[in-house]
N, C-alpha and C. Protein backbone atom coordinates (compact mmCIF):
# COMPACT_ATOMS: atom_id res chain seq x y z
N MET A 1 -1.73 7.76 -22.78
CA MET A 1 -2.93 8.37 -23.32
C MET A 1 -2.58 9.00 -24.65
N LYS A 2 -3.33 8.65 -25.67
CA LYS A 2 -3.11 9.20 -26.99
C LYS A 2 -3.92 10.48 -27.13
N ILE A 3 -3.25 11.56 -27.36
CA ILE A 3 -3.91 12.86 -27.46
C ILE A 3 -4.40 13.11 -28.87
N GLY A 4 -3.65 12.71 -29.86
CA GLY A 4 -4.07 12.92 -31.23
C GLY A 4 -3.06 13.74 -31.99
N LYS A 5 -3.41 14.08 -33.18
CA LYS A 5 -2.55 14.82 -34.08
C LYS A 5 -2.33 16.24 -33.55
N ARG A 6 -1.08 16.69 -33.66
CA ARG A 6 -0.75 18.04 -33.20
C ARG A 6 -1.30 19.08 -34.17
N ILE A 7 -1.91 20.09 -33.62
CA ILE A 7 -2.42 21.20 -34.41
C ILE A 7 -1.62 22.43 -34.01
N ASP A 8 -0.98 23.04 -35.01
CA ASP A 8 -0.18 24.23 -34.72
C ASP A 8 -1.09 25.42 -34.45
N ARG A 9 -1.05 25.89 -33.23
CA ARG A 9 -1.80 27.07 -32.80
C ARG A 9 -0.92 27.85 -31.87
N PRO A 10 -1.15 29.14 -31.79
CA PRO A 10 -0.39 29.90 -30.79
C PRO A 10 -0.76 29.41 -29.39
N MET A 11 0.21 29.40 -28.51
CA MET A 11 -0.05 28.99 -27.13
C MET A 11 -1.03 29.98 -26.50
N PRO A 12 -2.03 29.46 -25.78
CA PRO A 12 -2.99 30.37 -25.17
C PRO A 12 -2.36 31.19 -24.05
N ASN A 13 -2.88 32.37 -23.89
CA ASN A 13 -2.45 33.23 -22.80
C ASN A 13 -3.12 32.71 -21.53
N ARG A 14 -2.33 32.34 -20.55
CA ARG A 14 -2.88 31.75 -19.33
C ARG A 14 -3.75 32.73 -18.55
N ASN A 15 -3.67 33.99 -18.86
CA ASN A 15 -4.48 34.98 -18.18
C ASN A 15 -5.87 35.12 -18.80
N GLU A 16 -6.04 34.56 -20.01
CA GLU A 16 -7.35 34.64 -20.65
C GLU A 16 -8.32 33.72 -19.91
N ASN A 17 -9.58 34.09 -19.93
CA ASN A 17 -10.61 33.24 -19.33
C ASN A 17 -10.93 32.13 -20.33
N GLN A 18 -10.37 30.96 -20.10
CA GLN A 18 -10.57 29.85 -21.03
C GLN A 18 -11.49 28.83 -20.39
N ASN A 19 -12.39 28.35 -21.20
CA ASN A 19 -13.28 27.30 -20.74
C ASN A 19 -13.60 26.41 -21.95
N PRO A 20 -12.66 25.53 -22.35
CA PRO A 20 -12.92 24.67 -23.49
C PRO A 20 -14.19 23.84 -23.30
N LEU A 21 -14.79 23.48 -24.41
CA LEU A 21 -16.04 22.72 -24.41
C LEU A 21 -15.97 21.49 -23.51
N VAL A 22 -14.86 20.77 -23.56
CA VAL A 22 -14.75 19.55 -22.75
C VAL A 22 -14.86 19.87 -21.25
N PHE A 23 -14.32 21.00 -20.82
CA PHE A 23 -14.44 21.38 -19.42
C PHE A 23 -15.87 21.79 -19.09
N GLN A 24 -16.49 22.52 -19.99
CA GLN A 24 -17.87 22.95 -19.78
C GLN A 24 -18.81 21.75 -19.66
N ILE A 25 -18.67 20.81 -20.58
CA ILE A 25 -19.53 19.63 -20.57
C ILE A 25 -19.26 18.80 -19.32
N SER A 26 -18.00 18.66 -18.96
CA SER A 26 -17.64 17.90 -17.77
C SER A 26 -18.24 18.55 -16.52
N ASP A 27 -18.12 19.87 -16.41
CA ASP A 27 -18.67 20.58 -15.26
C ASP A 27 -20.19 20.43 -15.20
N LEU A 28 -20.84 20.60 -16.34
CA LEU A 28 -22.29 20.47 -16.38
C LEU A 28 -22.73 19.05 -16.02
N PHE A 29 -22.05 18.06 -16.56
CA PHE A 29 -22.38 16.67 -16.26
C PHE A 29 -22.22 16.38 -14.77
N ARG A 30 -21.13 16.87 -14.18
CA ARG A 30 -20.90 16.66 -12.74
C ARG A 30 -22.02 17.28 -11.92
N LEU A 31 -22.39 18.52 -12.26
CA LEU A 31 -23.46 19.20 -11.53
C LEU A 31 -24.80 18.49 -11.68
N MET A 32 -25.08 18.03 -12.88
CA MET A 32 -26.35 17.32 -13.11
C MET A 32 -26.36 15.97 -12.39
N ARG A 33 -25.23 15.27 -12.42
CA ARG A 33 -25.14 13.99 -11.73
C ARG A 33 -25.35 14.18 -10.23
N GLN A 34 -24.75 15.25 -9.67
CA GLN A 34 -24.92 15.53 -8.24
C GLN A 34 -26.38 15.86 -7.92
N ALA A 35 -27.01 16.66 -8.75
CA ALA A 35 -28.41 17.02 -8.53
C ALA A 35 -29.30 15.79 -8.64
N PHE A 36 -29.04 14.92 -9.59
CA PHE A 36 -29.83 13.71 -9.76
C PHE A 36 -29.66 12.78 -8.56
N ALA A 37 -28.44 12.69 -8.05
CA ALA A 37 -28.14 11.81 -6.91
C ALA A 37 -28.83 12.27 -5.63
N LYS A 38 -29.10 13.58 -5.51
CA LYS A 38 -29.74 14.11 -4.30
C LYS A 38 -31.20 13.71 -4.20
N GLU A 39 -31.81 13.44 -5.33
CA GLU A 39 -33.22 13.07 -5.36
C GLU A 39 -33.40 11.64 -4.86
N ASP A 40 -34.56 11.36 -4.30
CA ASP A 40 -34.88 9.98 -3.97
C ASP A 40 -35.07 9.25 -5.29
N GLY A 41 -34.34 8.18 -5.45
CA GLY A 41 -34.36 7.49 -6.73
C GLY A 41 -34.92 6.09 -6.62
N PRO A 42 -34.89 5.42 -7.74
CA PRO A 42 -35.37 4.05 -7.77
C PRO A 42 -34.44 3.13 -6.98
N GLU A 43 -34.89 1.95 -6.73
CA GLU A 43 -34.10 1.01 -5.95
C GLU A 43 -33.11 0.25 -6.81
N ILE A 44 -32.43 0.98 -7.67
CA ILE A 44 -31.35 0.40 -8.47
C ILE A 44 -30.17 1.36 -8.38
N THR A 45 -29.00 0.85 -8.65
CA THR A 45 -27.80 1.68 -8.59
C THR A 45 -27.73 2.58 -9.82
N ARG A 46 -26.84 3.58 -9.75
CA ARG A 46 -26.66 4.46 -10.90
C ARG A 46 -26.14 3.66 -12.09
N ALA A 47 -25.24 2.73 -11.84
CA ALA A 47 -24.70 1.89 -12.92
C ALA A 47 -25.82 1.07 -13.57
N GLN A 48 -26.71 0.52 -12.74
CA GLN A 48 -27.83 -0.25 -13.28
C GLN A 48 -28.78 0.65 -14.06
N ALA A 49 -28.98 1.88 -13.58
CA ALA A 49 -29.85 2.82 -14.30
C ALA A 49 -29.26 3.15 -15.67
N LYS A 50 -27.94 3.32 -15.75
CA LYS A 50 -27.30 3.59 -17.03
C LYS A 50 -27.50 2.42 -17.99
N VAL A 51 -27.33 1.20 -17.49
CA VAL A 51 -27.55 0.00 -18.31
C VAL A 51 -29.00 -0.05 -18.77
N LEU A 52 -29.91 0.12 -17.84
CA LEU A 52 -31.33 0.02 -18.13
C LEU A 52 -31.76 1.04 -19.18
N LEU A 53 -31.35 2.30 -19.01
CA LEU A 53 -31.74 3.34 -19.96
C LEU A 53 -31.11 3.12 -21.33
N THR A 54 -29.89 2.62 -21.36
CA THR A 54 -29.25 2.36 -22.64
C THR A 54 -29.95 1.23 -23.37
N VAL A 55 -30.31 0.18 -22.66
CA VAL A 55 -31.04 -0.94 -23.29
C VAL A 55 -32.42 -0.47 -23.74
N TRP A 56 -33.05 0.38 -22.96
CA TRP A 56 -34.36 0.93 -23.35
C TRP A 56 -34.25 1.75 -24.62
N ARG A 57 -33.18 2.55 -24.72
CA ARG A 57 -32.97 3.40 -25.91
C ARG A 57 -32.52 2.58 -27.11
N LEU A 58 -31.82 1.46 -26.87
CA LEU A 58 -31.27 0.62 -27.94
C LEU A 58 -31.69 -0.83 -27.76
N PRO A 59 -32.99 -1.12 -27.89
CA PRO A 59 -33.45 -2.50 -27.65
C PRO A 59 -32.75 -3.48 -28.59
N GLY A 60 -32.34 -4.61 -28.00
CA GLY A 60 -31.66 -5.64 -28.78
C GLY A 60 -30.16 -5.48 -28.83
N ILE A 61 -29.62 -4.50 -28.10
CA ILE A 61 -28.18 -4.30 -28.07
C ILE A 61 -27.53 -5.53 -27.43
N SER A 62 -26.36 -5.91 -27.91
CA SER A 62 -25.64 -7.03 -27.30
C SER A 62 -24.90 -6.54 -26.07
N GLN A 63 -24.53 -7.48 -25.21
CA GLN A 63 -23.79 -7.11 -24.00
C GLN A 63 -22.44 -6.49 -24.38
N GLN A 64 -21.80 -7.01 -25.42
CA GLN A 64 -20.51 -6.47 -25.84
C GLN A 64 -20.66 -5.03 -26.33
N ALA A 65 -21.69 -4.78 -27.14
CA ALA A 65 -21.92 -3.42 -27.65
C ALA A 65 -22.30 -2.48 -26.51
N LEU A 66 -23.06 -2.99 -25.55
CA LEU A 66 -23.44 -2.18 -24.39
C LEU A 66 -22.20 -1.79 -23.58
N ALA A 67 -21.31 -2.74 -23.36
CA ALA A 67 -20.07 -2.46 -22.63
C ALA A 67 -19.25 -1.40 -23.36
N ALA A 68 -19.15 -1.52 -24.67
CA ALA A 68 -18.39 -0.54 -25.45
C ALA A 68 -19.04 0.83 -25.37
N ARG A 69 -20.35 0.87 -25.46
CA ARG A 69 -21.06 2.15 -25.43
C ARG A 69 -20.92 2.84 -24.07
N LEU A 70 -20.95 2.05 -22.99
CA LEU A 70 -20.82 2.60 -21.64
C LEU A 70 -19.37 2.76 -21.21
N GLU A 71 -18.45 2.28 -22.05
CA GLU A 71 -17.02 2.35 -21.77
C GLU A 71 -16.66 1.67 -20.45
N VAL A 72 -17.19 0.45 -20.29
CA VAL A 72 -16.87 -0.37 -19.12
C VAL A 72 -16.56 -1.78 -19.62
N SER A 73 -16.04 -2.61 -18.75
CA SER A 73 -15.69 -3.97 -19.15
C SER A 73 -16.95 -4.80 -19.38
N THR A 74 -16.80 -5.83 -20.19
CA THR A 74 -17.91 -6.74 -20.45
C THR A 74 -18.36 -7.42 -19.16
N MET A 75 -17.40 -7.75 -18.28
CA MET A 75 -17.75 -8.38 -17.00
C MET A 75 -18.58 -7.44 -16.13
N SER A 76 -18.24 -6.17 -16.14
CA SER A 76 -19.00 -5.19 -15.36
C SER A 76 -20.44 -5.12 -15.87
N VAL A 77 -20.61 -5.08 -17.18
CA VAL A 77 -21.95 -5.06 -17.76
C VAL A 77 -22.68 -6.36 -17.42
N CYS A 78 -21.98 -7.46 -17.48
CA CYS A 78 -22.59 -8.76 -17.17
C CYS A 78 -23.14 -8.77 -15.74
N ARG A 79 -22.39 -8.23 -14.80
CA ARG A 79 -22.86 -8.18 -13.40
C ARG A 79 -24.11 -7.30 -13.27
N GLN A 80 -24.09 -6.14 -13.95
CA GLN A 80 -25.25 -5.25 -13.88
C GLN A 80 -26.47 -5.90 -14.52
N VAL A 81 -26.26 -6.54 -15.67
CA VAL A 81 -27.37 -7.21 -16.36
C VAL A 81 -27.89 -8.37 -15.52
N ASP A 82 -26.99 -9.13 -14.89
CA ASP A 82 -27.41 -10.22 -13.99
C ASP A 82 -28.33 -9.69 -12.90
N ALA A 83 -27.94 -8.57 -12.28
CA ALA A 83 -28.73 -7.98 -11.20
C ALA A 83 -30.09 -7.51 -11.71
N LEU A 84 -30.10 -6.87 -12.88
CA LEU A 84 -31.36 -6.38 -13.45
C LEU A 84 -32.24 -7.54 -13.92
N GLU A 85 -31.62 -8.58 -14.42
CA GLU A 85 -32.38 -9.76 -14.84
C GLU A 85 -33.01 -10.44 -13.62
N ALA A 86 -32.28 -10.49 -12.50
CA ALA A 86 -32.81 -11.07 -11.27
C ALA A 86 -34.02 -10.29 -10.77
N LYS A 87 -34.05 -8.98 -11.06
CA LYS A 87 -35.19 -8.13 -10.68
C LYS A 87 -36.27 -8.12 -11.76
N GLN A 88 -36.07 -8.93 -12.79
CA GLN A 88 -37.00 -9.04 -13.92
C GLN A 88 -37.20 -7.70 -14.65
N MET A 89 -36.12 -6.94 -14.75
CA MET A 89 -36.17 -5.67 -15.45
C MET A 89 -35.59 -5.75 -16.85
N ILE A 90 -34.72 -6.71 -17.06
CA ILE A 90 -34.08 -6.93 -18.37
C ILE A 90 -34.15 -8.41 -18.67
N GLU A 91 -34.28 -8.71 -19.96
CA GLU A 91 -34.21 -10.10 -20.36
C GLU A 91 -33.19 -10.25 -21.48
N ARG A 92 -32.52 -11.40 -21.45
CA ARG A 92 -31.55 -11.75 -22.49
C ARG A 92 -32.25 -12.67 -23.47
N ARG A 93 -32.03 -12.42 -24.76
CA ARG A 93 -32.58 -13.29 -25.80
C ARG A 93 -31.44 -13.69 -26.73
N SER A 94 -31.50 -14.92 -27.21
CA SER A 94 -30.50 -15.37 -28.18
C SER A 94 -30.69 -14.64 -29.50
N ASP A 95 -29.57 -14.37 -30.14
CA ASP A 95 -29.59 -13.75 -31.46
C ASP A 95 -30.01 -14.80 -32.48
N ASP A 96 -30.86 -14.41 -33.43
CA ASP A 96 -31.34 -15.35 -34.45
C ASP A 96 -30.22 -15.88 -35.34
N LYS A 97 -29.20 -15.04 -35.56
CA LYS A 97 -28.14 -15.40 -36.50
C LYS A 97 -26.92 -16.00 -35.81
N ASP A 98 -26.72 -15.70 -34.54
CA ASP A 98 -25.54 -16.17 -33.82
C ASP A 98 -25.94 -16.49 -32.39
N ARG A 99 -26.05 -17.75 -32.08
CA ARG A 99 -26.53 -18.16 -30.75
C ARG A 99 -25.61 -17.76 -29.61
N ARG A 100 -24.36 -17.44 -29.93
CA ARG A 100 -23.42 -17.02 -28.88
C ARG A 100 -23.74 -15.62 -28.39
N VAL A 101 -24.42 -14.84 -29.22
CA VAL A 101 -24.72 -13.44 -28.89
C VAL A 101 -26.04 -13.38 -28.14
N ARG A 102 -26.03 -12.63 -27.05
CA ARG A 102 -27.24 -12.43 -26.26
C ARG A 102 -27.70 -10.99 -26.44
N ARG A 103 -28.94 -10.81 -26.86
CA ARG A 103 -29.52 -9.49 -27.07
C ARG A 103 -30.29 -9.10 -25.81
N LEU A 104 -30.26 -7.81 -25.48
CA LEU A 104 -30.88 -7.33 -24.25
C LEU A 104 -32.12 -6.50 -24.55
N PHE A 105 -33.14 -6.70 -23.73
CA PHE A 105 -34.40 -5.98 -23.85
C PHE A 105 -34.93 -5.68 -22.46
N VAL A 106 -35.57 -4.51 -22.31
CA VAL A 106 -36.23 -4.22 -21.04
C VAL A 106 -37.55 -4.96 -21.01
N THR A 107 -38.04 -5.23 -19.82
CA THR A 107 -39.32 -5.92 -19.67
C THR A 107 -40.44 -4.90 -19.45
N GLU A 108 -41.66 -5.35 -19.59
CA GLU A 108 -42.81 -4.46 -19.34
C GLU A 108 -42.81 -3.95 -17.91
N LYS A 109 -42.31 -4.78 -16.99
CA LYS A 109 -42.25 -4.40 -15.58
C LYS A 109 -41.43 -3.11 -15.39
N THR A 110 -40.53 -2.85 -16.32
CA THR A 110 -39.61 -1.72 -16.21
C THR A 110 -40.24 -0.40 -16.64
N THR A 111 -41.32 -0.43 -17.39
CA THR A 111 -41.91 0.78 -17.94
C THR A 111 -42.18 1.86 -16.88
N PRO A 112 -42.83 1.55 -15.75
CA PRO A 112 -43.06 2.60 -14.75
C PRO A 112 -41.76 3.19 -14.20
N LEU A 113 -40.75 2.37 -14.02
CA LEU A 113 -39.46 2.85 -13.51
C LEU A 113 -38.81 3.79 -14.54
N ILE A 114 -38.82 3.40 -15.79
CA ILE A 114 -38.24 4.25 -16.84
C ILE A 114 -39.02 5.56 -16.93
N ASP A 115 -40.34 5.49 -16.83
CA ASP A 115 -41.15 6.71 -16.84
C ASP A 115 -40.74 7.64 -15.70
N THR A 116 -40.51 7.07 -14.52
CA THR A 116 -40.10 7.86 -13.35
C THR A 116 -38.73 8.50 -13.58
N ILE A 117 -37.79 7.71 -14.07
CA ILE A 117 -36.44 8.23 -14.32
C ILE A 117 -36.48 9.32 -15.38
N MET A 118 -37.22 9.09 -16.46
CA MET A 118 -37.29 10.08 -17.54
C MET A 118 -37.96 11.37 -17.06
N ALA A 119 -38.95 11.25 -16.19
CA ALA A 119 -39.60 12.45 -15.63
C ALA A 119 -38.60 13.23 -14.77
N LYS A 120 -37.80 12.50 -13.96
CA LYS A 120 -36.76 13.16 -13.15
C LYS A 120 -35.74 13.86 -14.03
N LEU A 121 -35.36 13.20 -15.12
CA LEU A 121 -34.39 13.81 -16.04
C LEU A 121 -34.98 15.04 -16.73
N ALA A 122 -36.26 14.99 -17.06
CA ALA A 122 -36.91 16.15 -17.68
C ALA A 122 -36.96 17.32 -16.69
N ASP A 123 -37.32 17.03 -15.44
CA ASP A 123 -37.34 18.08 -14.41
C ASP A 123 -35.95 18.68 -14.20
N LEU A 124 -34.96 17.81 -14.17
CA LEU A 124 -33.58 18.26 -13.99
C LEU A 124 -33.14 19.12 -15.18
N SER A 125 -33.51 18.71 -16.37
CA SER A 125 -33.18 19.50 -17.57
C SER A 125 -33.84 20.87 -17.49
N ASP A 126 -35.12 20.89 -17.10
CA ASP A 126 -35.82 22.17 -16.96
C ASP A 126 -35.13 23.07 -15.94
N GLU A 127 -34.69 22.48 -14.84
CA GLU A 127 -34.01 23.25 -13.80
C GLU A 127 -32.71 23.87 -14.34
N PHE A 128 -31.93 23.07 -15.06
CA PHE A 128 -30.65 23.56 -15.56
C PHE A 128 -30.81 24.51 -16.75
N LEU A 129 -31.89 24.36 -17.51
CA LEU A 129 -32.12 25.22 -18.67
C LEU A 129 -32.98 26.44 -18.34
N ALA A 130 -33.33 26.61 -17.08
CA ALA A 130 -34.20 27.72 -16.67
C ALA A 130 -33.73 29.09 -17.15
N PRO A 131 -32.42 29.36 -17.18
CA PRO A 131 -31.99 30.70 -17.63
C PRO A 131 -32.20 30.94 -19.12
N LEU A 132 -32.54 29.91 -19.89
CA LEU A 132 -32.68 30.04 -21.33
C LEU A 132 -34.14 30.19 -21.74
N SER A 133 -34.36 30.99 -22.77
CA SER A 133 -35.71 31.11 -23.34
C SER A 133 -36.02 29.84 -24.14
N SER A 134 -37.27 29.68 -24.55
CA SER A 134 -37.67 28.52 -25.35
C SER A 134 -36.87 28.46 -26.65
N GLU A 135 -36.67 29.60 -27.27
CA GLU A 135 -35.91 29.64 -28.53
C GLU A 135 -34.45 29.26 -28.29
N GLU A 136 -33.88 29.75 -27.19
CA GLU A 136 -32.49 29.39 -26.87
C GLU A 136 -32.37 27.90 -26.57
N ARG A 137 -33.37 27.32 -25.93
CA ARG A 137 -33.36 25.88 -25.66
C ARG A 137 -33.37 25.09 -26.96
N ARG A 138 -34.23 25.50 -27.90
CA ARG A 138 -34.29 24.81 -29.19
C ARG A 138 -32.96 24.94 -29.94
N THR A 139 -32.38 26.13 -29.88
CA THR A 139 -31.09 26.35 -30.53
C THR A 139 -30.01 25.49 -29.90
N LEU A 140 -29.96 25.45 -28.58
CA LEU A 140 -28.98 24.62 -27.87
C LEU A 140 -29.15 23.16 -28.26
N ASP A 141 -30.39 22.69 -28.26
CA ASP A 141 -30.68 21.31 -28.61
C ASP A 141 -30.19 21.00 -30.03
N SER A 142 -30.48 21.89 -30.95
CA SER A 142 -30.06 21.71 -32.33
C SER A 142 -28.54 21.69 -32.46
N LEU A 143 -27.88 22.62 -31.78
CA LEU A 143 -26.42 22.69 -31.84
C LEU A 143 -25.77 21.45 -31.23
N LEU A 144 -26.27 21.01 -30.09
CA LEU A 144 -25.72 19.81 -29.45
C LEU A 144 -25.91 18.58 -30.34
N ASN A 145 -27.09 18.47 -30.96
CA ASN A 145 -27.33 17.34 -31.86
C ASN A 145 -26.37 17.36 -33.05
N ARG A 146 -26.09 18.54 -33.59
CA ARG A 146 -25.15 18.66 -34.70
C ARG A 146 -23.74 18.29 -34.26
N ILE A 147 -23.33 18.75 -33.09
CA ILE A 147 -21.99 18.43 -32.58
C ILE A 147 -21.87 16.92 -32.37
N ILE A 148 -22.88 16.32 -31.76
CA ILE A 148 -22.85 14.87 -31.50
C ILE A 148 -22.82 14.09 -32.81
N ALA A 149 -23.65 14.47 -33.76
CA ALA A 149 -23.68 13.78 -35.05
C ALA A 149 -22.33 13.89 -35.76
N HIS A 150 -21.76 15.09 -35.74
CA HIS A 150 -20.46 15.29 -36.39
C HIS A 150 -19.37 14.46 -35.70
N ALA A 151 -19.33 14.52 -34.37
CA ALA A 151 -18.32 13.78 -33.63
C ALA A 151 -18.49 12.27 -33.83
N SER A 152 -19.74 11.79 -33.83
CA SER A 152 -20.00 10.36 -34.02
C SER A 152 -19.57 9.92 -35.41
N GLN A 153 -19.91 10.72 -36.41
CA GLN A 153 -19.56 10.38 -37.78
C GLN A 153 -18.05 10.40 -37.98
N LYS A 154 -17.39 11.39 -37.41
CA LYS A 154 -15.95 11.51 -37.54
C LYS A 154 -15.23 10.35 -36.83
N ARG A 155 -15.75 9.98 -35.69
CA ARG A 155 -15.12 8.92 -34.87
C ARG A 155 -15.36 7.53 -35.44
N THR A 156 -16.59 7.28 -35.89
CA THR A 156 -16.94 5.92 -36.32
C THR A 156 -17.15 5.78 -37.81
N GLY A 157 -17.33 6.89 -38.49
CA GLY A 157 -17.65 6.84 -39.92
C GLY A 157 -19.10 6.52 -40.17
N VAL A 158 -19.91 6.50 -39.10
CA VAL A 158 -21.33 6.18 -39.22
C VAL A 158 -22.14 7.29 -38.56
N ASP A 159 -23.20 7.72 -39.21
CA ASP A 159 -24.09 8.70 -38.58
C ASP A 159 -24.85 8.03 -37.45
N GLN A 160 -25.01 8.76 -36.32
CA GLN A 160 -25.73 8.18 -35.19
C GLN A 160 -26.95 8.99 -34.86
């Protein structure tokens, strides 16, 4: 595992209450994932839901780009897309410029399911953000967007 460039800092005091951002985000994600899993969900797997929502957010994404974005193998994405295509939730289209590339799109049949998932995610967000005022929520949203934009630009050299 490549950690990255060493930054000279004093060693932290192990008695201090430390909670680096990566731990906080990981803990929050785990708690949200558990809460989402407890709800009655659609008749698709969590992996299929991740594929479906990513294709919905990025219509025309290639299977290779989808695999990279989800950090899974191309074969894994292919299996999920095959299953969603069999349910008529996703369709593959040939790329106009390169016939070897298959672009992914959600179908109209998927709209009610995506609406249901997005409503569940909104409810879950409201539940987790309940301790925050409206102004604090806007501030958090703005700060997270800035962090994501900065990290994306630094990592890829492209604004996202």
